[in-house]
Amino acid sequence: LALAAPALAQTEKLGIGDAVRVTVHQQADLTTEARISERGTIALPLIGEVKLAGLSQAEAGARIAEDFKRGKFLKNPQVAVAITTLRSRQVSVLGAVARPGRYALDDTSSKLADVIAAAGGITAAGDDTVTVIREGKEHRIPVLRKSFELKGGETINVERAPVFYIYGEVARSGAYRVEPNMTVMQAIAAGGGITPRGSEWRLKLRRANEKGKLVESSAKLQDRVRPDDVIIVKESLF
């Protein structure tokens, strides 16, 4: 007979890395706290290794009780298994979020948007598309895809958003986020506009070619801006 474990729902499946407490009724010396190994097992007094990965807490309690009974160590063992640390249902959130770290998944917070919200949300420098590493493969997922379900053991990496750089005769030189279909005119506006000394007719654009070498060319206000572009607003000749 397996007693109900109060820590989490009995339907929660145990997994590698989870920490559990095994309590045998009226047998305090058999109480054990252990972490489920890479083999999916824990070691218990008298009966040795027992495989628990993939079982619910109730099923795990029943299996352990049966092993005690089969070994003739206890006649009618009552065993409770409770999860104390749910590592197999956690994900790692890295990169441009307010609070990077590990976060547990449950029935109400297993979606990408929920986990990112739990991590404090994406910072101003973060991209709107994140990388989810699942079974060693990288998947690029838009944050707006709210229904995307995560699985335990996955890693979510929020990379920095692509930026351009603007210098010269603008009010606020520096790096700015590249917005969809952004033009040079909009890039200049992001930098606070051209100073009285600058000229919209003397714009230069430095962009890497296929070999990665920076090439400088003249730019027009309606040209599209790409990530890592360097826009230079030069001084007016008059």
C-alpha atoms as a PDB file:
ATOM      1  CA  LEU A   1       0.000   0.000   0.000  1.00  0.00           C
ATOM      2  CA  ALA A   2       1.345   3.440  -0.949  1.00  0.00           C
ATOM      3  CA  LEU A   3       0.316   6.426   1.115  1.00  0.00           C
ATOM      4  CA  ALA A   4      -0.524   9.731  -0.574  1.00  0.00           C
ATOM      5  CA  ALA A   5       2.498  12.038  -0.875  1.00  0.00           C
ATOM      6  CA  PRO A   6       1.551  15.622   0.015  1.00  0.00           C
ATOM      7  CA  ALA A   7       4.375  17.522  -1.723  1.00  0.00           C
ATOM      8  CA  LEU A   8       2.973  17.598  -5.269  1.00  0.00           C
ATOM      9  CA  ALA A   9       0.144  16.047  -7.297  1.00  0.00           C
ATOM     10  CA  GLN A  10       0.347  12.265  -7.401  1.00  0.00           C
ATOM     11  CA  THR A  11       0.160  12.331 -11.206  1.00  0.00           C
ATOM     12  CA  GLU A  12       3.507  14.182 -11.461  1.00  0.00           C
ATOM     13  CA  LYS A  13       6.005  11.838 -13.109  1.00  0.00           C
ATOM     14  CA  LEU A  14       9.409  11.422 -11.512  1.00  0.00           C
ATOM     15  CA  GLY A  15      12.487  12.121 -13.612  1.00  0.00           C
ATOM     16  CA  ILE A  16      16.268  12.123 -13.570  1.00  0.00           C
ATOM     17  CA  GLY A  17      17.584  14.780 -11.182  1.00  0.00           C
ATOM     18  CA  ASP A  18      14.439  14.967  -9.049  1.00  0.00           C
ATOM     19  CA  ALA A  19      15.029  14.791  -5.299  1.00  0.00           C
ATOM     20  CA  VAL A  20      12.577  12.594  -3.364  1.00  0.00           C
ATOM     21  CA  ARG A  21      11.802  11.626   0.218  1.00  0.00           C
ATOM     22  CA  VAL A  22      10.789   8.014   0.829  1.00  0.00           C
ATOM     23  CA  THR A  23       8.913   7.428   4.081  1.00  0.00           C
ATOM     24  CA  VAL A  24       8.046   3.946   5.353  1.00  0.00           C
ATOM     25  CA  HIS A  25       5.214   3.993   7.889  1.00  0.00           C
ATOM     26  CA  GLN A  26       6.413   3.104  11.419  1.00  0.00           C
ATOM     27  CA  GLN A  27       9.935   2.433  10.085  1.00  0.00           C
ATOM     28  CA  ALA A  28      11.783   5.694  10.746  1.00  0.00           C
ATOM     29  CA  ASP A  29      15.186   4.119  10.105  1.00  0.00           C
ATOM     30  CA  LEU A  30      14.144   3.381   6.517  1.00  0.00           C
ATOM     31  CA  THR A  31      13.243   6.985   5.703  1.00  0.00           C
ATOM     32  CA  THR A  32      15.476   8.071   2.816  1.00  0.00           C
ATOM     33  CA  GLU A  33      16.121  11.268   0.897  1.00  0.00           C
ATOM     34  CA  ALA A  34      17.848  10.819  -2.448  1.00  0.00           C
ATOM     35  CA  ARG A  35      18.212  12.229  -5.948  1.00  0.00           C
ATOM     36  CA  ILE A  36      17.185  10.111  -8.918  1.00  0.00           C
ATOM     37  CA  SER A  37      20.349   9.097 -10.748  1.00  0.00           C
ATOM     38  CA  GLU A  38      21.124   9.139 -14.476  1.00  0.00           C
ATOM     39  CA  ARG A  39      19.955   5.507 -14.491  1.00  0.00           C
ATOM     40  CA  GLY A  40      16.580   6.643 -13.171  1.00  0.00           C
ATOM     41  CA  THR A  41      17.112   4.936  -9.813  1.00  0.00           C
ATOM     42  CA  ILE A  42      17.607   5.626  -6.116  1.00  0.00           C
ATOM     43  CA  ALA A  43      19.330   3.422  -3.521  1.00  0.00           C
ATOM     44  CA  LEU A  44      17.287   2.317  -0.510  1.00  0.00           C
ATOM     45  CA  PRO A  45      18.204   0.403   2.654  1.00  0.00           C
ATOM     46  CA  LEU A  46      17.721  -3.383   2.458  1.00  0.00           C
ATOM     47  CA  ILE A  47      16.420  -3.502  -1.114  1.00  0.00           C
ATOM     48  CA  GLY A  48      19.152  -1.541  -2.944  1.00  0.00           C
ATOM     49  CA  GLU A  49      18.497   0.266  -6.246  1.00  0.00           C
ATOM     50  CA  VAL A  50      14.914   0.871  -7.338  1.00  0.00           C
ATOM     51  CA  LYS A  51      13.983   2.432 -10.673  1.00  0.00           C
ATOM     52  CA  LEU A  52      11.545   5.319 -10.195  1.00  0.00           C
ATOM     53  CA  ALA A  53      11.955   7.515 -13.295  1.00  0.00           C
ATOM     54  CA  GLY A  54       8.729   7.655 -15.304  1.00  0.00           C
ATOM     55  CA  LEU A  55       6.528   6.686 -12.356  1.00  0.00           C
ATOM     56  CA  SER A  56       4.114   8.894 -10.456  1.00  0.00           C
ATOM     57  CA  GLN A  57       4.742   9.344  -6.745  1.00  0.00           C
ATOM     58  CA  ALA A  58       1.951   6.890  -5.937  1.00  0.00           C
ATOM     59  CA  GLU A  59       3.332   4.322  -8.382  1.00  0.00           C
ATOM     60  CA  ALA A  60       6.830   4.765  -6.945  1.00  0.00           C
ATOM     61  CA  GLY A  61       5.516   4.174  -3.430  1.00  0.00           C
ATOM     62  CA  ALA A  62       3.741   1.025  -4.582  1.00  0.00           C
ATOM     63  CA  ARG A  63       6.871  -0.306  -6.307  1.00  0.00           C
ATOM     64  CA  ILE A  64       9.066   0.266  -3.248  1.00  0.00           C
ATOM     65  CA  ALA A  65       6.452  -1.350  -0.988  1.00  0.00           C
ATOM     66  CA  GLU A  66       6.350  -4.378  -3.274  1.00  0.00           C
ATOM     67  CA  ASP A  67      10.162  -4.689  -3.191  1.00  0.00           C
ATOM     68  CA  PHE A  68      10.161  -4.596   0.617  1.00  0.00           C
ATOM     69  CA  LYS A  69       7.433  -7.248   0.654  1.00  0.00           C
ATOM     70  CA  ARG A  70       9.076  -9.446  -1.996  1.00  0.00           C
ATOM     71  CA  GLY A  71      12.338  -9.404  -0.070  1.00  0.00           C
ATOM     72  CA  LYS A  72      10.424 -10.435   3.067  1.00  0.00           C
ATOM     73  CA  PHE A  73      11.768  -7.412   4.943  1.00  0.00           C
ATOM     74  CA  LEU A  74       8.288  -6.078   5.778  1.00  0.00           C
ATOM     75  CA  LYS A  75       4.941  -7.887   5.750  1.00  0.00           C
ATOM     76  CA  ASN A  76       2.610  -5.034   4.827  1.00  0.00           C
ATOM     77  CA  PRO A  77       4.748  -1.941   4.095  1.00  0.00           C
ATOM     78  CA  GLN A  78       3.114   1.441   3.685  1.00  0.00           C
ATOM     79  CA  VAL A  79       5.344   3.723   1.628  1.00  0.00           C
ATOM     80  CA  ALA A  80       5.009   7.391   0.707  1.00  0.00           C
ATOM     81  CA  VAL A  81       7.158   9.038  -1.964  1.00  0.00           C
ATOM     82  CA  ALA A  82       7.263  12.831  -2.137  1.00  0.00           C
ATOM     83  CA  ILE A  83       9.155  15.066  -4.545  1.00  0.00           C
ATOM     84  CA  THR A  84      11.246  17.616  -2.648  1.00  0.00           C
ATOM     85  CA  THR A  85      13.038  19.190  -5.631  1.00  0.00           C
ATOM     86  CA  LEU A  86      11.523  18.949  -9.096  1.00  0.00           C
ATOM     87  CA  ARG A  87      14.603  19.221 -11.298  1.00  0.00           C
ATOM     88  CA  SER A  88      13.425  17.118 -14.239  1.00  0.00           C
ATOM     89  CA  ARG A  89      10.629  19.620 -14.885  1.00  0.00           C
ATOM     90  CA  GLN A  90      12.795  22.722 -14.786  1.00  0.00           C
ATOM     91  CA  VAL A  91      14.146  24.873 -17.603  1.00  0.00           C
ATOM     92  CA  SER A  92      17.062  27.297 -17.690  1.00  0.00           C
ATOM     93  CA  VAL A  93      16.465  30.872 -18.842  1.00  0.00           C
ATOM     94  CA  LEU A  94      19.595  32.733 -19.960  1.00  0.00           C
ATOM     95  CA  GLY A  95      20.510  36.001 -21.638  1.00  0.00           C
ATOM     96  CA  ALA A  96      18.612  39.270 -21.797  1.00  0.00           C
ATOM     97  CA  VAL A  97      15.968  38.690 -19.118  1.00  0.00           C
ATOM     98  CA  ALA A  98      15.565  40.469 -15.800  1.00  0.00           C
ATOM     99  CA  ARG A  99      16.225  37.365 -13.646  1.00  0.00           C
ATOM    100  CA  PRO A 100      18.156  34.583 -15.414  1.00  0.00           C
ATOM    101  CA  GLY A 101      17.985  31.210 -13.676  1.00  0.00           C
ATOM    102  CA  ARG A 102      16.156  27.892 -13.414  1.00  0.00           C
ATOM    103  CA  TYR A 103      12.353  27.806 -13.372  1.00  0.00           C
ATOM    104  CA  ALA A 104       9.991  24.936 -12.641  1.00  0.00           C
ATOM    105  CA  LEU A 105       7.302  23.912 -15.098  1.00  0.00           C
ATOM    106  CA  ASP A 106       3.821  22.900 -14.049  1.00  0.00           C
ATOM    107  CA  ASP A 107       0.397  22.564 -15.626  1.00  0.00           C
ATOM    108  CA  THR A 108      -0.179  26.334 -15.514  1.00  0.00           C
ATOM    109  CA  SER A 109       3.284  27.619 -16.436  1.00  0.00           C
ATOM    110  CA  SER A 110       4.827  25.376 -19.087  1.00  0.00           C
ATOM    111  CA  LYS A 111       4.454  27.817 -21.970  1.00  0.00           C
ATOM    112  CA  LEU A 112       7.351  29.914 -23.263  1.00  0.00           C
ATOM    113  CA  ALA A 113       5.637  33.242 -22.543  1.00  0.00           C
ATOM    114  CA  ASP A 114       4.822  32.199 -18.949  1.00  0.00           C
ATOM    115  CA  VAL A 115       8.392  31.151 -18.172  1.00  0.00           C
ATOM    116  CA  ILE A 116       9.849  34.352 -19.634  1.00  0.00           C
ATOM    117  CA  ALA A 117       7.361  36.345 -17.552  1.00  0.00           C
ATOM    118  CA  ALA A 118       8.470  34.416 -14.446  1.00  0.00           C
ATOM    119  CA  ALA A 119      12.055  35.416 -15.290  1.00  0.00           C
ATOM    120  CA  GLY A 120      11.030  39.074 -15.157  1.00  0.00           C
ATOM    121  CA  GLY A 121      10.489  39.515 -18.884  1.00  0.00           C
ATOM    122  CA  ILE A 122      12.851  40.417 -21.696  1.00  0.00           C
ATOM    123  CA  THR A 123      15.001  43.487 -21.117  1.00  0.00           C
ATOM    124  CA  ALA A 124      14.996  46.463 -23.469  1.00  0.00           C
ATOM    125  CA  ALA A 125      18.112  45.071 -25.155  1.00  0.00           C
ATOM    126  CA  GLY A 126      16.572  41.639 -25.739  1.00  0.00           C
ATOM    127  CA  ASP A 127      15.349  40.203 -29.016  1.00  0.00           C
ATOM    128  CA  ASP A 128      11.717  39.261 -29.730  1.00  0.00           C
ATOM    129  CA  THR A 129      12.817  35.834 -30.944  1.00  0.00           C
ATOM    130  CA  VAL A 130      14.463  33.421 -28.517  1.00  0.00           C
ATOM    131  CA  THR A 131      16.488  30.250 -28.942  1.00  0.00           C
ATOM    132  CA  VAL A 132      15.092  27.106 -27.315  1.00  0.00           C
ATOM    133  CA  ILE A 133      17.630  24.287 -27.010  1.00  0.00           C
ATOM    134  CA  ARG A 134      15.716  21.011 -27.132  1.00  0.00           C
ATOM    135  CA  GLU A 135      17.527  17.659 -27.206  1.00  0.00           C
ATOM    136  CA  GLY A 136      20.697  19.351 -28.407  1.00  0.00           C
ATOM    137  CA  LYS A 137      19.001  21.194 -31.285  1.00  0.00           C
ATOM    138  CA  GLU A 138      18.366  24.935 -31.471  1.00  0.00           C
ATOM    139  CA  HIS A 139      14.908  26.247 -32.343  1.00  0.00           C
ATOM    140  CA  ARG A 140      14.209  29.936 -33.006  1.00  0.00           C
ATOM    141  CA  ILE A 141      10.831  30.786 -31.478  1.00  0.00           C
ATOM    142  CA  PRO A 142       9.033  34.176 -31.549  1.00  0.00           C
ATOM    143  CA  VAL A 143       8.090  35.311 -28.037  1.00  0.00           C
ATOM    144  CA  LEU A 144       4.627  36.203 -29.343  1.00  0.00           C
ATOM    145  CA  ARG A 145       4.026  32.495 -30.002  1.00  0.00           C
ATOM    146  CA  LYS A 146       2.356  32.185 -26.627  1.00  0.00           C
ATOM    147  CA  SER A 147       1.199  28.583 -27.100  1.00  0.00           C
ATOM    148  CA  PHE A 148       4.716  27.101 -27.451  1.00  0.00           C
ATOM    149  CA  GLU A 149       5.066  24.368 -24.815  1.00  0.00           C
ATOM    150  CA  LEU A 150       8.380  23.817 -23.037  1.00  0.00           C
ATOM    151  CA  LYS A 151       9.735  20.519 -21.728  1.00  0.00           C
ATOM    152  CA  GLY A 152      11.882  19.830 -18.685  1.00  0.00           C
ATOM    153  CA  GLY A 153      15.616  20.124 -19.169  1.00  0.00           C
ATOM    154  CA  GLU A 154      15.405  22.672 -21.988  1.00  0.00           C
ATOM    155  CA  THR A 155      17.346  25.931 -22.157  1.00  0.00           C
ATOM    156  CA  ILE A 156      15.874  29.250 -23.314  1.00  0.00           C
ATOM    157  CA  ASN A 157      18.423  31.810 -24.450  1.00  0.00           C
ATOM    158  CA  VAL A 158      17.213  35.375 -25.000  1.00  0.00           C
ATOM    159  CA  GLU A 159      19.815  36.991 -27.222  1.00  0.00           C
ATOM    160  CA  ARG A 160      20.420  40.696 -27.600  1.00  0.00           C
ATOM    161  CA  ALA A 161      18.349  42.346 -30.306  1.00  0.00           C
ATOM    162  CA  PRO A 162      20.158  43.296 -33.530  1.00  0.00           C
ATOM    163  CA  VAL A 163      21.441  46.876 -33.437  1.00  0.00           C
ATOM    164  CA  PHE A 164      22.857  49.552 -35.747  1.00  0.00           C
ATOM    165  CA  TYR A 165      25.296  52.310 -34.853  1.00  0.00           C
ATOM    166  CA  ILE A 166      24.975  56.001 -35.665  1.00  0.00           C
ATOM    167  CA  TYR A 167      27.702  58.628 -35.252  1.00  0.00           C
ATOM    168  CA  GLY A 168      28.654  62.080 -36.396  1.00  0.00           C
ATOM    169  CA  GLU A 169      26.328  65.070 -36.487  1.00  0.00           C
ATOM    170  CA  VAL A 170      23.390  63.562 -34.610  1.00  0.00           C
ATOM    171  CA  ALA A 171      22.032  64.535 -31.203  1.00  0.00           C
ATOM    172  CA  ARG A 172      22.670  61.130 -29.557  1.00  0.00           C
ATOM    173  CA  SER A 173      25.356  58.934 -31.056  1.00  0.00           C
ATOM    174  CA  GLY A 174      25.379  55.248 -30.117  1.00  0.00           C
ATOM    175  CA  ALA A 175      23.803  51.837 -30.707  1.00  0.00           C
ATOM    176  CA  TYR A 176      20.077  51.465 -31.360  1.00  0.00           C
ATOM    177  CA  ARG A 177      17.767  48.552 -31.987  1.00  0.00           C
ATOM    178  CA  VAL A 178      17.018  47.687 -35.616  1.00  0.00           C
ATOM    179  CA  GLU A 179      13.259  47.778 -36.123  1.00  0.00           C
ATOM    180  CA  PRO A 180      11.486  45.904 -38.953  1.00  0.00           C
ATOM    181  CA  ASN A 181      11.855  47.667 -42.341  1.00  0.00           C
ATOM    182  CA  MET A 182      13.762  50.506 -40.702  1.00  0.00           C
ATOM    183  CA  THR A 183      15.088  53.248 -42.983  1.00  0.00           C
ATOM    184  CA  VAL A 184      18.122  55.502 -42.576  1.00  0.00           C
ATOM    185  CA  MET A 185      15.703  58.389 -41.929  1.00  0.00           C
ATOM    186  CA  GLN A 186      14.150  56.471 -39.038  1.00  0.00           C
ATOM    187  CA  ALA A 187      17.604  55.548 -37.753  1.00  0.00           C
ATOM    188  CA  ILE A 188      18.584  59.227 -37.676  1.00  0.00           C
ATOM    189  CA  ALA A 189      15.364  60.017 -35.799  1.00  0.00           C
ATOM    190  CA  ALA A 190      16.243  57.323 -33.234  1.00  0.00           C
ATOM    191  CA  GLY A 191      19.526  59.155 -32.698  1.00  0.00           C
ATOM    192  CA  GLY A 192      17.709  62.399 -31.943  1.00  0.00           C
ATOM    193  CA  GLY A 193      17.931  63.888 -35.424  1.00  0.00           C
ATOM    194  CA  ILE A 194      20.648  65.773 -37.291  1.00  0.00           C
ATOM    195  CA  THR A 195      22.401  68.642 -35.528  1.00  0.00           C
ATOM    196  CA  PRO A 196      22.411  72.141 -37.106  1.00  0.00           C
ATOM    197  CA  ARG A 197      25.926  71.408 -38.366  1.00  0.00           C
ATOM    198  CA  GLY A 198      24.992  68.152 -40.080  1.00  0.00           C
ATOM    199  CA  SER A 199      23.627  67.459 -43.541  1.00  0.00           C
ATOM    200  CA  GLU A 200      21.145  64.836 -44.678  1.00  0.00           C
ATOM    201  CA  TRP A 201      22.918  64.947 -48.057  1.00  0.00           C
ATOM    202  CA  ARG A 202      26.204  63.771 -46.549  1.00  0.00           C
ATOM    203  CA  LEU A 203      25.353  60.378 -45.141  1.00  0.00           C
ATOM    204  CA  LYS A 204      27.766  57.456 -45.128  1.00  0.00           C
ATOM    205  CA  LEU A 205      27.027  53.810 -44.493  1.00  0.00           C
ATOM    206  CA  ARG A 206      29.586  51.227 -43.395  1.00  0.00           C
ATOM    207  CA  ARG A 207      28.438  47.649 -43.932  1.00  0.00           C
ATOM    208  CA  ALA A 208      30.250  44.312 -43.918  1.00  0.00           C
ATOM    209  CA  ASN A 209      30.498  42.592 -47.300  1.00  0.00           C
ATOM    210  CA  GLU A 210      30.350  38.835 -47.886  1.00  0.00           C
ATOM    211  CA  LYS A 211      33.941  38.463 -46.673  1.00  0.00           C
ATOM    212  CA  GLY A 212      33.216  40.382 -43.464  1.00  0.00           C
ATOM    213  CA  LYS A 213      35.156  43.480 -44.535  1.00  0.00           C
ATOM    214  CA  LEU A 214      33.599  46.883 -43.800  1.00  0.00           C
ATOM    215  CA  VAL A 215      32.818  48.820 -46.963  1.00  0.00           C
ATOM    216  CA  GLU A 216      31.795  52.483 -46.846  1.00  0.00           C
ATOM    217  CA  SER A 217      29.287  53.919 -49.302  1.00  0.00           C
ATOM    218  CA  SER A 218      26.964  56.898 -49.629  1.00  0.00           C
ATOM    219  CA  ALA A 219      23.546  56.437 -48.055  1.00  0.00           C
ATOM    220  CA  LYS A 220      20.104  57.833 -48.804  1.00  0.00           C
ATOM    221  CA  LEU A 221      17.337  58.564 -46.330  1.00  0.00           C
ATOM    222  CA  GLN A 222      15.121  55.770 -47.711  1.00  0.00           C
ATOM    223  CA  ASP A 223      17.791  53.050 -47.649  1.00  0.00           C
ATOM    224  CA  ARG A 224      17.020  50.056 -45.421  1.00  0.00           C
ATOM    225  CA  VAL A 225      19.046  49.541 -42.267  1.00  0.00           C
ATOM    226  CA  ARG A 226      20.576  46.137 -41.515  1.00  0.00           C
ATOM    227  CA  PRO A 227      21.960  44.764 -38.240  1.00  0.00           C
ATOM    228  CA  ASP A 228      25.481  46.035 -37.458  1.00  0.00           C
ATOM    229  CA  ASP A 229      25.270  48.877 -39.982  1.00  0.00           C
ATOM    230  CA  VAL A 230      27.260  51.991 -39.084  1.00  0.00           C
ATOM    231  CA  ILE A 231      25.623  55.253 -40.205  1.00  0.00           C
ATOM    232  CA  ILE A 232      27.716  58.412 -40.203  1.00  0.00           C
ATOM    233  CA  VAL A 233      26.140  61.852 -40.556  1.00  0.00           C
ATOM    234  CA  LYS A 234      28.800  64.233 -41.821  1.00  0.00           C
ATOM    235  CA  GLU A 235      29.119  67.966 -41.365  1.00  0.00           C
ATOM    236  CA  SER A 236      27.551  70.242 -43.970  1.00  0.00           C
ATOM    237  CA  LEU A 237      29.933  71.798 -46.471  1.00  0.00           C
ATOM    238  CA  PHE A 238      28.154  75.171 -46.234  1.00  0.00           C
END
